[in-house]
């Protein structure tokens, strides 16, 4: 996976409203973020699968960051 795609993902997470990050189910959050990355970056099928797995593994961190923003 390209570093630019990862940086873009984390930029999207920072720009996404906290209520969105916390309000979606895990599956919905993964799909929403993946859709946004795919919309902005051209990913191959393999890169898309890798990005999806990466997001899935980071959902607890994403939610923790969103909770911290609320504090």
Protein backbone atom coordinates (compact mmCIF):
# COMPACT_ATOMS: atom_id res chain seq x y z
CA UNK A 1 0.00 0.00 0.00
CA UNK A 2 1.30 3.43 -0.90
CA UNK A 3 2.25 5.84 1.85
CA UNK A 4 0.25 8.57 0.11
CA UNK A 5 -2.92 6.46 0.38
CA UNK A 6 -2.32 5.94 4.11
CA UNK A 7 -1.71 9.64 4.67
CA UNK A 8 -4.89 10.40 2.77
CA UNK A 9 -6.86 7.92 4.88
CA UNK A 10 -5.72 9.54 8.12
CA UNK A 11 -6.46 12.99 6.69
CA UNK A 12 -10.00 11.81 5.91
CA UNK A 13 -10.37 10.44 9.44
CA UNK A 14 -9.29 13.77 10.91
CA UNK A 15 -11.71 15.65 8.65
CA UNK A 16 -14.68 13.33 9.26
CA UNK A 17 -17.16 14.49 11.86
CA UNK A 18 -16.84 12.79 15.23
CA UNK A 19 -20.50 11.80 15.19
CA UNK A 20 -19.93 9.94 11.94
CA UNK A 21 -16.89 8.07 13.26
CA UNK A 22 -18.76 7.04 16.38
CA UNK A 23 -22.23 6.58 14.91
CA UNK A 24 -21.54 3.96 12.26
CA UNK A 25 -21.19 0.27 12.97
CA UNK A 26 -17.71 -1.12 12.37
CA UNK A 27 -18.70 -2.47 8.94
CA UNK A 28 -20.34 0.82 7.92
CA UNK A 29 -17.34 2.83 9.10
CA UNK A 30 -14.93 0.63 7.18
CA UNK A 31 -17.01 0.88 4.00
CA UNK A 32 -17.46 4.64 4.33
CA UNK A 33 -13.75 5.31 4.78
CA UNK A 34 -12.79 2.84 2.05
CA UNK A 35 -15.28 4.45 -0.35
CA UNK A 36 -13.83 7.90 0.35
CA UNK A 37 -10.26 6.73 -0.20
CA UNK A 38 -11.21 4.92 -3.40
CA UNK A 39 -13.03 8.02 -4.63
CA UNK A 40 -9.95 10.20 -4.17
CA UNK A 41 -7.19 7.70 -4.94
CA UNK A 42 -7.08 5.13 -7.70
CA UNK A 43 -6.52 1.84 -5.92
CA UNK A 44 -6.07 -1.54 -7.55
CA UNK A 45 -8.24 -4.39 -6.33
CA UNK A 46 -5.38 -5.69 -4.19
CA UNK A 47 -4.68 -2.23 -2.74
CA UNK A 48 -8.37 -1.85 -1.95
CA UNK A 49 -8.41 -5.18 -0.10
CA UNK A 50 -5.26 -4.22 1.80
CA UNK A 51 -6.72 -0.83 2.69
CA UNK A 52 -9.92 -2.47 3.91
CA UNK A 53 -7.94 -4.84 6.15
CA UNK A 54 -5.85 -1.92 7.43
CA UNK A 55 -8.93 0.14 8.29
CA UNK A 56 -10.55 -2.88 9.98
CA UNK A 57 -7.48 -3.33 12.16
CA UNK A 58 -7.51 0.36 13.13
CA UNK A 59 -11.21 0.79 13.98
CA UNK A 60 -10.56 0.81 17.77
CA UNK A 61 -7.88 3.49 17.30
CA UNK A 62 -10.14 5.53 15.02
CA UNK A 63 -12.91 5.42 17.62
CA UNK A 64 -10.48 6.30 20.44
CA UNK A 65 -9.28 9.34 18.48
CA UNK A 66 -12.88 10.40 17.86
CA UNK A 67 -13.69 10.05 21.58
CA UNK A 68 -10.64 12.15 22.44
CA UNK A 69 -11.86 14.89 20.11
CA UNK A 70 -15.10 15.09 22.09
CA UNK A 71 -13.29 15.63 25.39
